[in-house]
């Protein structure tokens, strides 16, 4: 029985196809880097947001304490914030 050897021809991409493939790979790598940078920025913004919320709570508490102090000192009143004039309420 004779041994038949099948010869297969090697095939390669054309230069244009190789160029297109490299272009797609480069674009994909750039996109991965961009998405990574966006993710880092998102984390930074989320951290800033949490800090700002904490600061808002701090300011709100300070405002409540100050208002209570003024009411304890002056009783019920209206205030002109521009001049600081206290207008007693009856």
C-alpha atoms as a PDB file:
ATOM      1  CA  UNK A   1       0.000   0.000   0.000  1.00  0.00           C
ATOM      2  CA  UNK A   2       1.498   3.274  -1.020  1.00  0.00           C
ATOM      3  CA  UNK A   3       1.693   6.065   1.500  1.00  0.00           C
ATOM      4  CA  UNK A   4       0.095   9.180   0.164  1.00  0.00           C
ATOM      5  CA  UNK A   5       1.328  12.363   1.614  1.00  0.00           C
ATOM      6  CA  UNK A   6      -0.911  15.354   1.311  1.00  0.00           C
ATOM      7  CA  UNK A   7       0.983  18.526   0.773  1.00  0.00           C
ATOM      8  CA  UNK A   8      -0.761  21.577   2.051  1.00  0.00           C
ATOM      9  CA  UNK A   9       0.128  24.987   0.931  1.00  0.00           C
ATOM     10  CA  UNK A  10       0.851  27.507   3.628  1.00  0.00           C
ATOM     11  CA  UNK A  11      -1.316  30.576   3.452  1.00  0.00           C
ATOM     12  CA  UNK A  12      -0.615  34.000   4.820  1.00  0.00           C
ATOM     13  CA  UNK A  13      -2.583  37.171   5.197  1.00  0.00           C
ATOM     14  CA  UNK A  14      -2.079  39.792   2.578  1.00  0.00           C
ATOM     15  CA  UNK A  15      -0.165  42.920   3.568  1.00  0.00           C
ATOM     16  CA  UNK A  16      -3.437  44.840   3.600  1.00  0.00           C
ATOM     17  CA  UNK A  17      -5.053  42.240   5.876  1.00  0.00           C
ATOM     18  CA  UNK A  18      -2.038  42.292   8.223  1.00  0.00           C
ATOM     19  CA  UNK A  19      -2.213  46.085   8.326  1.00  0.00           C
ATOM     20  CA  UNK A  20      -5.929  45.958   9.128  1.00  0.00           C
ATOM     21  CA  UNK A  21      -5.345  43.357  11.853  1.00  0.00           C
ATOM     22  CA  UNK A  22      -2.583  45.456  13.468  1.00  0.00           C
ATOM     23  CA  UNK A  23      -4.791  48.545  13.279  1.00  0.00           C
ATOM     24  CA  UNK A  24      -7.639  46.730  15.045  1.00  0.00           C
ATOM     25  CA  UNK A  25      -5.248  45.414  17.721  1.00  0.00           C
ATOM     26  CA  UNK A  26      -3.817  48.908  18.301  1.00  0.00           C
ATOM     27  CA  UNK A  27      -7.304  50.402  18.577  1.00  0.00           C
ATOM     28  CA  UNK A  28      -8.341  47.662  21.013  1.00  0.00           C
ATOM     29  CA  UNK A  29      -5.288  48.282  23.202  1.00  0.00           C
ATOM     30  CA  UNK A  30      -5.955  52.033  23.184  1.00  0.00           C
ATOM     31  CA  UNK A  31      -9.547  51.393  24.188  1.00  0.00           C
ATOM     32  CA  UNK A  32      -8.481  49.199  27.099  1.00  0.00           C
ATOM     33  CA  UNK A  33      -6.170  51.975  28.343  1.00  0.00           C
ATOM     34  CA  UNK A  34      -8.928  54.587  27.910  1.00  0.00           C
ATOM     35  CA  UNK A  35     -11.445  52.475  29.828  1.00  0.00           C
ATOM     36  CA  UNK A  36      -8.906  51.982  32.600  1.00  0.00           C
ATOM     37  CA  UNK A  37      -8.306  55.719  32.854  1.00  0.00           C
ATOM     38  CA  UNK A  38     -12.050  56.390  32.887  1.00  0.00           C
ATOM     39  CA  UNK A  39     -12.487  53.841  35.676  1.00  0.00           C
ATOM     40  CA  UNK A  40      -9.801  55.557  37.749  1.00  0.00           C
ATOM     41  CA  UNK A  41     -11.391  58.964  37.191  1.00  0.00           C
ATOM     42  CA  UNK A  42     -14.779  57.517  38.157  1.00  0.00           C
ATOM     43  CA  UNK A  43     -13.335  56.228  41.441  1.00  0.00           C
ATOM     44  CA  UNK A  44     -11.770  59.624  42.135  1.00  0.00           C
ATOM     45  CA  UNK A  45     -15.083  61.376  41.460  1.00  0.00           C
ATOM     46  CA  UNK A  46     -16.944  58.930  43.700  1.00  0.00           C
ATOM     47  CA  UNK A  47     -14.417  59.654  46.473  1.00  0.00           C
ATOM     48  CA  UNK A  48     -14.828  63.411  45.998  1.00  0.00           C
ATOM     49  CA  UNK A  49     -18.600  62.969  46.075  1.00  0.00           C
ATOM     50  CA  UNK A  50     -18.435  61.090  49.385  1.00  0.00           C
ATOM     51  CA  UNK A  51     -16.170  63.776  50.858  1.00  0.00           C
ATOM     52  CA  UNK A  52     -18.567  66.493  49.687  1.00  0.00           C
ATOM     53  CA  UNK A  53     -21.537  64.645  51.236  1.00  0.00           C
ATOM     54  CA  UNK A  54     -19.651  64.408  54.513  1.00  0.00           C
ATOM     55  CA  UNK A  55     -18.836  68.116  54.356  1.00  0.00           C
ATOM     56  CA  UNK A  56     -22.515  68.905  53.682  1.00  0.00           C
ATOM     57  CA  UNK A  57     -23.492  66.958  56.798  1.00  0.00           C
ATOM     58  CA  UNK A  58     -20.850  68.834  58.784  1.00  0.00           C
ATOM     59  CA  UNK A  59     -22.081  72.223  57.544  1.00  0.00           C
ATOM     60  CA  UNK A  60     -25.729  71.282  58.214  1.00  0.00           C
ATOM     61  CA  UNK A  61     -24.870  70.273  61.775  1.00  0.00           C
ATOM     62  CA  UNK A  62     -22.907  73.485  62.288  1.00  0.00           C
ATOM     63  CA  UNK A  63     -25.868  75.510  60.996  1.00  0.00           C
ATOM     64  CA  UNK A  64     -28.301  73.685  63.327  1.00  0.00           C
ATOM     65  CA  UNK A  65     -26.043  74.243  66.346  1.00  0.00           C
ATOM     66  CA  UNK A  66     -25.570  77.916  65.499  1.00  0.00           C
ATOM     67  CA  UNK A  67     -29.308  78.432  65.006  1.00  0.00           C
ATOM     68  CA  UNK A  68     -30.048  76.746  68.341  1.00  0.00           C
ATOM     69  CA  UNK A  69     -27.435  78.911  70.076  1.00  0.00           C
ATOM     70  CA  UNK A  70     -28.992  82.068  68.639  1.00  0.00           C
ATOM     71  CA  UNK A  71     -32.537  81.033  69.586  1.00  0.00           C
ATOM     72  CA  UNK A  72     -31.357  80.187  73.113  1.00  0.00           C
ATOM     73  CA  UNK A  73     -29.696  83.597  73.377  1.00  0.00           C
ATOM     74  CA  UNK A  74     -32.247  85.845  71.613  1.00  0.00           C
ATOM     75  CA  UNK A  75     -35.473  83.849  71.640  1.00  0.00           C
ATOM     76  CA  UNK A  76     -37.751  83.789  68.617  1.00  0.00           C
ATOM     77  CA  UNK A  77     -36.563  86.325  66.053  1.00  0.00           C
ATOM     78  CA  UNK A  78     -35.930  87.103  62.421  1.00  0.00           C
ATOM     79  CA  UNK A  79     -32.490  87.944  61.167  1.00  0.00           C
ATOM     80  CA  UNK A  80     -31.246  90.160  58.376  1.00  0.00           C
ATOM     81  CA  UNK A  81     -28.186  88.141  57.291  1.00  0.00           C
ATOM     82  CA  UNK A  82     -26.673  91.128  55.455  1.00  0.00           C
ATOM     83  CA  UNK A  83     -26.655  93.499  58.415  1.00  0.00           C
ATOM     84  CA  UNK A  84     -26.904  91.038  61.319  1.00  0.00           C
ATOM     85  CA  UNK A  85     -29.946  92.941  62.656  1.00  0.00           C
ATOM     86  CA  UNK A  86     -32.089  90.875  64.990  1.00  0.00           C
ATOM     87  CA  UNK A  87     -35.809  91.538  64.671  1.00  0.00           C
ATOM     88  CA  UNK A  88     -37.733  90.219  67.669  1.00  0.00           C
ATOM     89  CA  UNK A  89     -40.874  88.229  66.931  1.00  0.00           C
ATOM     90  CA  UNK A  90     -43.889  88.479  69.214  1.00  0.00           C
END
